[in-house]
N, C-alpha and C. Protein backbone atom coordinates (compact mmCIF):
# COMPACT_ATOMS: atom_id res chain seq x y z
N MET A 1 36.21 -37.88 -30.92
CA MET A 1 37.55 -37.59 -31.33
C MET A 1 37.63 -36.13 -31.74
N ARG A 2 38.68 -35.50 -31.37
CA ARG A 2 38.90 -34.10 -31.74
C ARG A 2 39.17 -34.01 -33.24
N LEU A 3 38.52 -33.03 -33.89
CA LEU A 3 38.77 -32.80 -35.31
C LEU A 3 39.95 -31.84 -35.47
N SER A 4 40.71 -32.03 -36.51
CA SER A 4 41.76 -31.05 -36.82
C SER A 4 41.08 -29.75 -37.22
N GLY A 5 41.81 -28.66 -37.15
CA GLY A 5 41.26 -27.38 -37.57
C GLY A 5 40.83 -27.39 -39.02
N LEU A 6 41.61 -28.04 -39.85
CA LEU A 6 41.29 -28.12 -41.27
C LEU A 6 40.01 -28.91 -41.50
N GLU A 7 39.84 -30.04 -40.81
CA GLU A 7 38.63 -30.84 -40.94
C GLU A 7 37.43 -30.09 -40.37
N ALA A 8 37.62 -29.40 -39.24
CA ALA A 8 36.53 -28.62 -38.65
C ALA A 8 36.06 -27.56 -39.64
N ARG A 9 37.01 -26.87 -40.24
CA ARG A 9 36.67 -25.82 -41.21
C ARG A 9 35.95 -26.41 -42.42
N LYS A 10 36.42 -27.54 -42.91
CA LYS A 10 35.82 -28.18 -44.08
C LYS A 10 34.36 -28.55 -43.80
N ARG A 11 34.11 -29.17 -42.66
CA ARG A 11 32.73 -29.55 -42.32
C ARG A 11 31.86 -28.32 -42.11
N PHE A 12 32.43 -27.31 -41.46
CA PHE A 12 31.69 -26.07 -41.22
C PHE A 12 31.27 -25.46 -42.56
N ALA A 13 32.21 -25.32 -43.47
CA ALA A 13 31.95 -24.66 -44.76
C ALA A 13 30.91 -25.40 -45.59
N ALA A 14 30.79 -26.71 -45.41
CA ALA A 14 29.84 -27.50 -46.18
C ALA A 14 28.42 -27.40 -45.65
N ALA A 15 28.24 -26.92 -44.43
CA ALA A 15 26.92 -26.84 -43.82
C ALA A 15 26.10 -25.71 -44.44
N ARG A 16 24.80 -25.79 -44.30
CA ARG A 16 23.90 -24.78 -44.87
C ARG A 16 23.46 -23.74 -43.85
N VAL A 17 23.54 -24.06 -42.57
CA VAL A 17 23.13 -23.12 -41.52
C VAL A 17 24.06 -23.27 -40.33
N ALA A 18 24.30 -22.17 -39.65
CA ALA A 18 25.12 -22.17 -38.43
C ALA A 18 24.33 -21.47 -37.33
N ARG A 19 24.80 -21.61 -36.11
CA ARG A 19 24.23 -20.87 -34.98
C ARG A 19 25.27 -19.85 -34.54
N LEU A 20 24.87 -18.58 -34.52
CA LEU A 20 25.73 -17.49 -34.09
C LEU A 20 25.47 -17.22 -32.62
N ALA A 21 26.52 -17.29 -31.81
CA ALA A 21 26.42 -17.01 -30.37
C ALA A 21 27.10 -15.69 -30.07
N THR A 22 26.36 -14.80 -29.40
CA THR A 22 26.89 -13.51 -28.99
C THR A 22 26.58 -13.32 -27.51
N ALA A 23 27.23 -12.34 -26.91
CA ALA A 23 26.92 -11.91 -25.55
C ALA A 23 27.14 -10.41 -25.49
N GLY A 24 26.18 -9.72 -24.92
CA GLY A 24 26.29 -8.27 -24.82
C GLY A 24 27.14 -7.86 -23.64
N ALA A 25 27.17 -6.57 -23.37
CA ALA A 25 27.95 -6.03 -22.26
C ALA A 25 27.48 -6.61 -20.93
N ASP A 26 26.19 -6.99 -20.85
CA ASP A 26 25.65 -7.55 -19.61
C ASP A 26 25.97 -9.03 -19.45
N GLY A 27 26.60 -9.64 -20.46
CA GLY A 27 26.97 -11.05 -20.38
C GLY A 27 25.86 -12.00 -20.76
N GLN A 28 24.67 -11.50 -21.07
CA GLN A 28 23.55 -12.37 -21.45
C GLN A 28 23.82 -13.00 -22.82
N PRO A 29 23.77 -14.32 -22.91
CA PRO A 29 24.03 -14.98 -24.20
C PRO A 29 22.82 -14.92 -25.13
N LEU A 30 23.11 -15.00 -26.41
CA LEU A 30 22.09 -15.09 -27.45
C LEU A 30 22.62 -16.04 -28.51
N VAL A 31 21.76 -16.94 -28.98
CA VAL A 31 22.12 -17.85 -30.06
C VAL A 31 21.02 -17.77 -31.11
N VAL A 32 21.41 -17.50 -32.36
CA VAL A 32 20.45 -17.41 -33.46
C VAL A 32 20.98 -18.17 -34.67
N PRO A 33 20.07 -18.80 -35.43
CA PRO A 33 20.52 -19.46 -36.67
C PRO A 33 20.82 -18.41 -37.73
N VAL A 34 21.85 -18.66 -38.53
CA VAL A 34 22.22 -17.74 -39.61
C VAL A 34 22.64 -18.51 -40.85
N THR A 35 22.39 -17.90 -42.00
CA THR A 35 23.02 -18.36 -43.23
C THR A 35 24.39 -17.71 -43.26
N PHE A 36 25.32 -18.32 -43.96
CA PHE A 36 26.70 -17.83 -43.89
C PHE A 36 27.49 -18.29 -45.10
N ALA A 37 28.64 -17.67 -45.26
CA ALA A 37 29.64 -18.13 -46.24
C ALA A 37 31.00 -18.04 -45.58
N VAL A 38 31.84 -19.01 -45.86
CA VAL A 38 33.23 -18.98 -45.39
C VAL A 38 34.06 -18.45 -46.54
N GLU A 39 34.65 -17.29 -46.33
CA GLU A 39 35.51 -16.69 -47.35
C GLU A 39 36.85 -17.40 -47.33
N ALA A 40 37.42 -17.61 -48.49
CA ALA A 40 38.71 -18.29 -48.60
C ALA A 40 39.77 -17.51 -47.85
N GLY A 41 40.55 -18.22 -47.07
CA GLY A 41 41.66 -17.60 -46.35
C GLY A 41 42.96 -18.12 -46.88
N SER A 42 44.02 -17.61 -46.35
CA SER A 42 45.33 -18.13 -46.74
C SER A 42 45.50 -19.51 -46.15
N THR A 43 46.36 -20.27 -46.72
CA THR A 43 46.62 -21.61 -46.22
C THR A 43 48.00 -21.65 -45.59
N PRO A 44 48.21 -22.58 -44.66
CA PRO A 44 49.53 -22.65 -44.04
C PRO A 44 50.60 -22.97 -45.07
N ASP A 45 51.79 -22.41 -44.85
CA ASP A 45 52.92 -22.74 -45.72
C ASP A 45 53.53 -24.06 -45.25
N GLU A 46 54.63 -24.44 -45.86
CA GLU A 46 55.25 -25.72 -45.52
C GLU A 46 55.64 -25.80 -44.05
N ALA A 47 55.93 -24.68 -43.42
CA ALA A 47 56.31 -24.69 -42.01
C ALA A 47 55.09 -24.71 -41.10
N GLY A 48 53.88 -24.61 -41.69
CA GLY A 48 52.67 -24.66 -40.90
C GLY A 48 52.19 -23.31 -40.41
N SER A 49 52.87 -22.23 -40.81
CA SER A 49 52.41 -20.91 -40.38
C SER A 49 51.67 -20.23 -41.52
N THR A 50 50.84 -19.26 -41.16
CA THR A 50 50.14 -18.49 -42.16
C THR A 50 50.94 -17.23 -42.44
N PRO A 51 50.66 -16.52 -43.53
CA PRO A 51 51.39 -15.28 -43.80
C PRO A 51 51.33 -14.30 -42.63
N ALA A 52 50.18 -14.20 -41.95
CA ALA A 52 50.09 -13.26 -40.83
C ALA A 52 50.99 -13.70 -39.68
N GLU A 53 51.05 -15.02 -39.43
CA GLU A 53 51.91 -15.52 -38.35
C GLU A 53 53.37 -15.33 -38.70
N ALA A 54 53.68 -15.32 -39.99
CA ALA A 54 55.06 -15.16 -40.43
C ALA A 54 55.44 -13.69 -40.58
N GLY A 55 54.58 -12.80 -40.11
CA GLY A 55 54.88 -11.37 -40.16
C GLY A 55 54.24 -10.66 -41.33
N GLY A 56 53.46 -11.39 -42.15
CA GLY A 56 52.78 -10.76 -43.27
C GLY A 56 51.55 -10.00 -42.80
N GLU A 57 50.98 -9.24 -43.70
CA GLU A 57 49.79 -8.46 -43.37
C GLU A 57 48.54 -9.29 -43.62
N PRO A 58 47.59 -9.31 -42.66
CA PRO A 58 46.33 -9.99 -42.93
C PRO A 58 45.53 -9.23 -43.98
N ARG A 59 44.78 -9.96 -44.79
CA ARG A 59 43.94 -9.32 -45.80
C ARG A 59 42.66 -8.82 -45.16
N GLU A 60 42.02 -7.86 -45.83
CA GLU A 60 40.79 -7.26 -45.31
C GLU A 60 39.66 -8.28 -45.24
N LEU A 61 39.44 -9.04 -46.31
CA LEU A 61 38.41 -10.05 -46.33
C LEU A 61 39.05 -11.33 -46.81
N GLY A 62 38.93 -12.39 -46.02
CA GLY A 62 39.49 -13.66 -46.43
C GLY A 62 40.63 -14.11 -45.55
N SER A 63 41.03 -13.32 -44.58
CA SER A 63 42.09 -13.74 -43.66
C SER A 63 41.76 -13.25 -42.28
N ALA A 64 41.96 -14.12 -41.31
CA ALA A 64 41.73 -13.73 -39.93
C ALA A 64 43.03 -13.39 -39.24
N GLY A 65 44.12 -13.40 -39.96
CA GLY A 65 45.38 -13.06 -39.34
C GLY A 65 45.96 -14.18 -38.51
N GLY A 66 45.61 -15.40 -38.80
CA GLY A 66 46.20 -16.52 -38.08
C GLY A 66 45.17 -17.26 -37.26
N ASP A 67 45.48 -18.47 -36.90
CA ASP A 67 44.58 -19.30 -36.14
C ASP A 67 45.30 -19.74 -34.89
N ARG A 68 44.89 -19.25 -33.76
CA ARG A 68 45.55 -19.58 -32.50
C ARG A 68 45.42 -21.07 -32.23
N GLY A 69 46.47 -21.66 -31.78
CA GLY A 69 46.45 -23.07 -31.45
C GLY A 69 46.74 -23.97 -32.63
N GLY A 70 47.08 -23.44 -33.78
CA GLY A 70 47.42 -24.26 -34.93
C GLY A 70 46.27 -25.09 -35.44
N ALA A 71 45.05 -24.58 -35.32
CA ALA A 71 43.87 -25.36 -35.67
C ALA A 71 43.42 -25.15 -37.11
N GLY A 72 44.32 -24.89 -38.02
CA GLY A 72 43.93 -24.79 -39.41
C GLY A 72 44.12 -23.40 -39.96
N PRO A 73 43.85 -23.24 -41.25
CA PRO A 73 44.07 -21.95 -41.89
C PRO A 73 43.05 -20.91 -41.44
N PRO A 74 43.42 -19.63 -41.49
CA PRO A 74 42.49 -18.58 -41.11
C PRO A 74 41.39 -18.42 -42.15
N ALA A 75 40.34 -17.77 -41.76
CA ALA A 75 39.23 -17.53 -42.68
C ALA A 75 38.38 -16.40 -42.13
N THR A 76 37.45 -15.96 -42.96
CA THR A 76 36.45 -15.00 -42.56
C THR A 76 35.09 -15.61 -42.84
N ILE A 77 34.19 -15.50 -41.89
CA ILE A 77 32.81 -15.96 -42.06
C ILE A 77 31.94 -14.72 -42.18
N VAL A 78 31.05 -14.73 -43.17
CA VAL A 78 30.17 -13.59 -43.37
C VAL A 78 28.71 -14.03 -43.28
N THR A 79 27.89 -13.16 -42.74
CA THR A 79 26.45 -13.32 -42.72
C THR A 79 25.85 -11.93 -42.84
N VAL A 80 24.64 -11.84 -43.33
CA VAL A 80 24.01 -10.53 -43.54
C VAL A 80 22.58 -10.58 -43.02
N VAL A 81 22.13 -9.49 -42.42
CA VAL A 81 20.73 -9.38 -42.03
C VAL A 81 19.92 -9.29 -43.32
N ASP A 82 19.05 -10.27 -43.51
CA ASP A 82 18.32 -10.36 -44.78
C ASP A 82 16.86 -9.97 -44.62
N HIS A 83 16.07 -10.28 -45.65
CA HIS A 83 14.67 -9.88 -45.73
C HIS A 83 13.71 -10.78 -44.95
N LYS A 84 14.18 -11.90 -44.42
CA LYS A 84 13.27 -12.78 -43.68
C LYS A 84 12.68 -12.01 -42.50
N PRO A 85 11.44 -12.31 -42.09
CA PRO A 85 10.81 -11.56 -40.99
C PRO A 85 11.62 -11.63 -39.70
N LYS A 86 11.75 -10.46 -39.06
CA LYS A 86 12.45 -10.33 -37.78
C LYS A 86 11.67 -9.34 -36.93
N SER A 87 11.95 -9.34 -35.64
CA SER A 87 11.24 -8.40 -34.76
C SER A 87 11.60 -6.96 -35.09
N THR A 88 12.82 -6.73 -35.52
CA THR A 88 13.28 -5.42 -35.96
C THR A 88 14.47 -5.65 -36.88
N ARG A 89 14.71 -4.76 -37.82
CA ARG A 89 15.84 -4.95 -38.74
C ARG A 89 17.10 -4.26 -38.26
N THR A 90 16.95 -3.08 -37.69
CA THR A 90 18.14 -2.31 -37.34
C THR A 90 18.54 -2.46 -35.88
N GLY A 91 17.60 -2.82 -35.02
CA GLY A 91 17.93 -2.93 -33.60
C GLY A 91 18.09 -4.37 -33.13
N LEU A 92 18.47 -5.25 -34.03
CA LEU A 92 18.61 -6.66 -33.66
C LEU A 92 19.60 -6.82 -32.52
N ARG A 93 19.25 -7.68 -31.58
CA ARG A 93 20.11 -7.88 -30.42
C ARG A 93 21.49 -8.36 -30.82
N ARG A 94 21.60 -9.22 -31.82
CA ARG A 94 22.92 -9.72 -32.22
C ARG A 94 23.83 -8.56 -32.62
N LEU A 95 23.26 -7.54 -33.29
CA LEU A 95 24.05 -6.38 -33.69
C LEU A 95 24.45 -5.54 -32.47
N ARG A 96 23.52 -5.34 -31.55
CA ARG A 96 23.85 -4.60 -30.31
C ARG A 96 24.92 -5.34 -29.53
N ASP A 97 24.78 -6.67 -29.44
CA ASP A 97 25.77 -7.47 -28.71
C ASP A 97 27.17 -7.31 -29.32
N ILE A 98 27.26 -7.39 -30.64
CA ILE A 98 28.57 -7.29 -31.30
C ILE A 98 29.18 -5.91 -31.10
N HIS A 99 28.35 -4.87 -31.12
CA HIS A 99 28.88 -3.53 -30.85
C HIS A 99 29.48 -3.47 -29.45
N ALA A 100 28.85 -4.14 -28.48
CA ALA A 100 29.32 -4.11 -27.09
C ALA A 100 30.45 -5.11 -26.84
N ASN A 101 30.42 -6.24 -27.54
CA ASN A 101 31.38 -7.33 -27.29
C ASN A 101 31.59 -8.08 -28.61
N PRO A 102 32.67 -7.84 -29.32
CA PRO A 102 32.86 -8.45 -30.64
C PRO A 102 33.26 -9.93 -30.63
N LEU A 103 33.45 -10.54 -29.46
CA LEU A 103 33.80 -11.96 -29.41
C LEU A 103 32.55 -12.80 -29.68
N VAL A 104 32.63 -13.65 -30.69
CA VAL A 104 31.49 -14.48 -31.08
C VAL A 104 31.95 -15.91 -31.35
N SER A 105 30.99 -16.81 -31.39
CA SER A 105 31.22 -18.18 -31.85
C SER A 105 30.11 -18.54 -32.82
N LEU A 106 30.46 -19.38 -33.78
CA LEU A 106 29.47 -19.95 -34.69
C LEU A 106 29.61 -21.46 -34.61
N LEU A 107 28.48 -22.15 -34.52
CA LEU A 107 28.48 -23.60 -34.35
C LEU A 107 27.68 -24.25 -35.46
N VAL A 108 28.22 -25.33 -35.99
CA VAL A 108 27.53 -26.20 -36.94
C VAL A 108 27.59 -27.60 -36.34
N ASP A 109 26.49 -28.34 -36.43
CA ASP A 109 26.51 -29.70 -35.90
C ASP A 109 25.71 -30.63 -36.79
N HIS A 110 25.96 -31.90 -36.60
CA HIS A 110 25.22 -32.93 -37.32
C HIS A 110 24.73 -33.95 -36.31
N TYR A 111 23.41 -34.17 -36.30
CA TYR A 111 22.83 -35.19 -35.44
C TYR A 111 22.32 -36.32 -36.31
N ASP A 112 22.47 -37.54 -35.78
CA ASP A 112 21.98 -38.73 -36.45
C ASP A 112 21.60 -39.72 -35.36
N ASP A 113 20.54 -40.50 -35.60
CA ASP A 113 20.19 -41.52 -34.62
C ASP A 113 21.29 -42.56 -34.48
N ASP A 114 22.11 -42.70 -35.51
CA ASP A 114 23.32 -43.51 -35.42
C ASP A 114 24.39 -42.60 -34.83
N TRP A 115 24.61 -42.70 -33.53
CA TRP A 115 25.50 -41.77 -32.84
C TRP A 115 26.94 -41.84 -33.33
N ALA A 116 27.30 -42.88 -34.07
CA ALA A 116 28.64 -42.94 -34.63
C ALA A 116 28.83 -41.87 -35.70
N ARG A 117 27.74 -41.23 -36.13
CA ARG A 117 27.81 -40.18 -37.15
C ARG A 117 27.72 -38.76 -36.56
N LEU A 118 27.68 -38.64 -35.25
CA LEU A 118 27.57 -37.32 -34.62
C LEU A 118 28.86 -36.52 -34.79
N TRP A 119 28.71 -35.21 -35.01
CA TRP A 119 29.86 -34.32 -35.02
C TRP A 119 29.40 -32.88 -34.84
N TRP A 120 30.32 -32.05 -34.43
CA TRP A 120 30.10 -30.60 -34.37
C TRP A 120 31.42 -29.90 -34.68
N THR A 121 31.30 -28.66 -35.12
CA THR A 121 32.47 -27.83 -35.37
C THR A 121 32.13 -26.39 -35.01
N ARG A 122 33.13 -25.68 -34.48
CA ARG A 122 32.91 -24.31 -34.01
C ARG A 122 34.01 -23.39 -34.53
N ALA A 123 33.58 -22.19 -34.88
CA ALA A 123 34.50 -21.12 -35.26
C ALA A 123 34.37 -20.01 -34.23
N ASP A 124 35.46 -19.68 -33.55
CA ASP A 124 35.49 -18.55 -32.62
C ASP A 124 36.18 -17.40 -33.32
N GLY A 125 35.73 -16.18 -33.05
CA GLY A 125 36.37 -15.06 -33.72
C GLY A 125 35.92 -13.71 -33.23
N LEU A 126 36.41 -12.70 -33.94
CA LEU A 126 36.09 -11.30 -33.68
C LEU A 126 35.17 -10.80 -34.78
N ALA A 127 34.01 -10.28 -34.39
CA ALA A 127 33.01 -9.83 -35.35
C ALA A 127 33.06 -8.32 -35.52
N SER A 128 32.76 -7.90 -36.73
CA SER A 128 32.56 -6.48 -37.00
C SER A 128 31.30 -6.35 -37.84
N ILE A 129 30.71 -5.18 -37.79
CA ILE A 129 29.48 -4.91 -38.54
C ILE A 129 29.80 -3.89 -39.61
N VAL A 130 29.39 -4.20 -40.84
CA VAL A 130 29.59 -3.25 -41.94
C VAL A 130 28.25 -2.99 -42.62
N GLU A 131 28.08 -1.77 -43.05
CA GLU A 131 26.81 -1.33 -43.64
C GLU A 131 26.89 -1.36 -45.16
N VAL A 132 25.72 -1.26 -45.78
CA VAL A 132 25.62 -1.15 -47.23
C VAL A 132 26.47 0.04 -47.68
N GLY A 133 27.17 -0.12 -48.79
CA GLY A 133 28.05 0.92 -49.30
C GLY A 133 29.51 0.62 -49.03
N ASP A 134 29.78 -0.15 -47.99
CA ASP A 134 31.15 -0.59 -47.69
C ASP A 134 31.48 -1.73 -48.65
N PRO A 135 32.65 -1.73 -49.29
CA PRO A 135 33.00 -2.81 -50.21
C PRO A 135 32.95 -4.20 -49.56
N ARG A 136 33.21 -4.28 -48.27
CA ARG A 136 33.13 -5.58 -47.58
C ARG A 136 31.71 -6.09 -47.53
N HIS A 137 30.73 -5.18 -47.47
CA HIS A 137 29.32 -5.58 -47.49
C HIS A 137 29.00 -6.21 -48.84
N ALA A 138 29.41 -5.55 -49.91
CA ALA A 138 29.17 -6.08 -51.26
C ALA A 138 29.83 -7.45 -51.43
N ALA A 139 31.03 -7.63 -50.90
CA ALA A 139 31.71 -8.92 -51.00
C ALA A 139 30.97 -9.98 -50.21
N ALA A 140 30.43 -9.62 -49.05
CA ALA A 140 29.67 -10.58 -48.24
C ALA A 140 28.41 -11.01 -48.97
N VAL A 141 27.67 -10.06 -49.54
CA VAL A 141 26.46 -10.39 -50.29
C VAL A 141 26.79 -11.27 -51.49
N ALA A 142 27.87 -10.97 -52.18
CA ALA A 142 28.28 -11.79 -53.33
C ALA A 142 28.58 -13.22 -52.90
N ALA A 143 29.30 -13.39 -51.79
CA ALA A 143 29.63 -14.73 -51.31
C ALA A 143 28.37 -15.49 -50.90
N LEU A 144 27.45 -14.81 -50.24
CA LEU A 144 26.20 -15.46 -49.83
C LEU A 144 25.34 -15.81 -51.03
N SER A 145 25.35 -14.98 -52.05
CA SER A 145 24.55 -15.23 -53.25
C SER A 145 25.02 -16.46 -54.01
N VAL A 146 26.29 -16.78 -53.91
CA VAL A 146 26.80 -18.00 -54.52
C VAL A 146 26.22 -19.22 -53.82
N ARG A 147 26.08 -19.16 -52.50
CA ARG A 147 25.61 -20.31 -51.71
C ARG A 147 24.09 -20.46 -51.66
N TYR A 148 23.37 -19.35 -51.70
CA TYR A 148 21.92 -19.38 -51.48
C TYR A 148 21.21 -18.69 -52.65
N ARG A 149 20.43 -19.46 -53.41
CA ARG A 149 19.73 -18.89 -54.57
C ARG A 149 18.75 -17.80 -54.15
N GLN A 150 18.21 -17.89 -52.93
CA GLN A 150 17.27 -16.88 -52.46
C GLN A 150 17.91 -15.49 -52.46
N TYR A 151 19.22 -15.42 -52.19
CA TYR A 151 19.90 -14.13 -52.18
C TYR A 151 20.20 -13.62 -53.58
N ARG A 152 20.18 -14.51 -54.56
CA ARG A 152 20.31 -14.05 -55.94
C ARG A 152 19.00 -13.37 -56.37
N GLN A 153 17.89 -13.87 -55.82
CA GLN A 153 16.58 -13.31 -56.14
C GLN A 153 16.30 -12.02 -55.36
N VAL A 154 16.65 -12.01 -54.07
CA VAL A 154 16.45 -10.84 -53.21
C VAL A 154 17.74 -10.61 -52.42
N PRO A 155 18.66 -9.81 -52.95
CA PRO A 155 19.93 -9.58 -52.25
C PRO A 155 19.71 -8.93 -50.88
N PRO A 156 20.42 -9.39 -49.86
CA PRO A 156 20.28 -8.80 -48.53
C PRO A 156 20.74 -7.34 -48.52
N THR A 157 19.99 -6.51 -47.80
CA THR A 157 20.33 -5.09 -47.72
C THR A 157 20.60 -4.64 -46.29
N GLY A 158 20.54 -5.57 -45.34
CA GLY A 158 20.82 -5.21 -43.96
C GLY A 158 22.31 -5.23 -43.68
N PRO A 159 22.70 -4.88 -42.46
CA PRO A 159 24.12 -4.90 -42.10
C PRO A 159 24.73 -6.29 -42.26
N ALA A 160 26.00 -6.32 -42.60
CA ALA A 160 26.76 -7.57 -42.69
C ALA A 160 27.55 -7.76 -41.40
N ILE A 161 27.63 -8.99 -40.97
CA ILE A 161 28.50 -9.36 -39.84
C ILE A 161 29.67 -10.12 -40.44
N ILE A 162 30.86 -9.62 -40.19
CA ILE A 162 32.07 -10.24 -40.71
C ILE A 162 32.88 -10.74 -39.52
N VAL A 163 33.12 -12.04 -39.49
CA VAL A 163 33.82 -12.67 -38.37
C VAL A 163 35.21 -13.11 -38.82
N ALA A 164 36.22 -12.53 -38.23
CA ALA A 164 37.60 -12.96 -38.46
C ALA A 164 37.85 -14.14 -37.52
N VAL A 165 37.93 -15.33 -38.08
CA VAL A 165 38.06 -16.54 -37.27
C VAL A 165 39.44 -16.58 -36.63
N THR A 166 39.45 -16.79 -35.32
CA THR A 166 40.71 -16.92 -34.58
C THR A 166 40.97 -18.36 -34.18
N ARG A 167 39.93 -19.21 -34.22
CA ARG A 167 40.12 -20.60 -33.81
C ARG A 167 39.03 -21.48 -34.41
N TRP A 168 39.44 -22.60 -34.98
CA TRP A 168 38.53 -23.65 -35.43
C TRP A 168 38.65 -24.81 -34.44
N SER A 169 37.54 -25.41 -34.06
CA SER A 169 37.58 -26.60 -33.21
C SER A 169 36.41 -27.49 -33.59
N GLY A 170 36.48 -28.75 -33.18
CA GLY A 170 35.40 -29.65 -33.50
C GLY A 170 35.59 -31.02 -32.88
N TRP A 171 34.53 -31.80 -32.94
CA TRP A 171 34.51 -33.13 -32.36
C TRP A 171 33.67 -34.03 -33.26
N SER A 172 34.06 -35.28 -33.33
CA SER A 172 33.31 -36.28 -34.07
C SER A 172 33.34 -37.58 -33.28
N TYR A 173 32.23 -38.30 -33.27
CA TYR A 173 32.20 -39.58 -32.57
C TYR A 173 33.24 -40.52 -33.15
N SER A 174 33.37 -40.49 -34.48
CA SER A 174 34.33 -41.37 -35.14
C SER A 174 35.22 -40.55 -36.06
N VAL A 175 36.26 -41.16 -36.54
CA VAL A 175 37.19 -40.46 -37.43
C VAL A 175 36.70 -40.46 -38.87
N SER A 176 35.67 -41.24 -39.17
CA SER A 176 35.17 -41.31 -40.54
C SER A 176 34.59 -39.97 -40.95
N PRO A 177 34.82 -39.57 -42.19
CA PRO A 177 34.21 -38.32 -42.65
C PRO A 177 32.70 -38.47 -42.74
N PRO A 178 31.96 -37.37 -42.67
CA PRO A 178 30.51 -37.46 -42.75
C PRO A 178 30.08 -37.96 -44.12
N PRO A 179 28.91 -38.61 -44.19
CA PRO A 179 28.43 -39.07 -45.49
C PRO A 179 28.11 -37.87 -46.37
N THR A 180 28.30 -38.04 -47.67
CA THR A 180 28.01 -36.92 -48.60
C THR A 180 26.66 -37.07 -49.22
């Protein structure tokens, strides 16, 4: 069953890890696991539109400027290159891909041997990269530190990836919410 945008966002935000999908100028895909935080966005008004859709200005962090297809409120997803071992810190392919092609997707899923509990949710959006010293970087690190105690101990100092979500989508085998 198709999930509403609001339900997709709710399940996504509750997850601990997502998969970030990028593609560079050559079209080669890359998928990597990432820690993330969903920044609070505006919520639809009584008419179902967001402030950006109603002609308002999108906010710098916390609003994606609307959700195409009416799939729920806008949001911003943040992730930061952290201290965990990587092949390189500054030349990561995901960063090169985003510079060449800012269209990205992030996927969260739940598998269970009881297939009635299967679900997935995806956030599509436009990514930008911000460096240390930019206020958006500090906001991303702060949001991640709330979710992950490891970042309170060792704050990330690598570039931040900020994704302005343009669409939430998802699927669930059943309409029942996932177990808590």
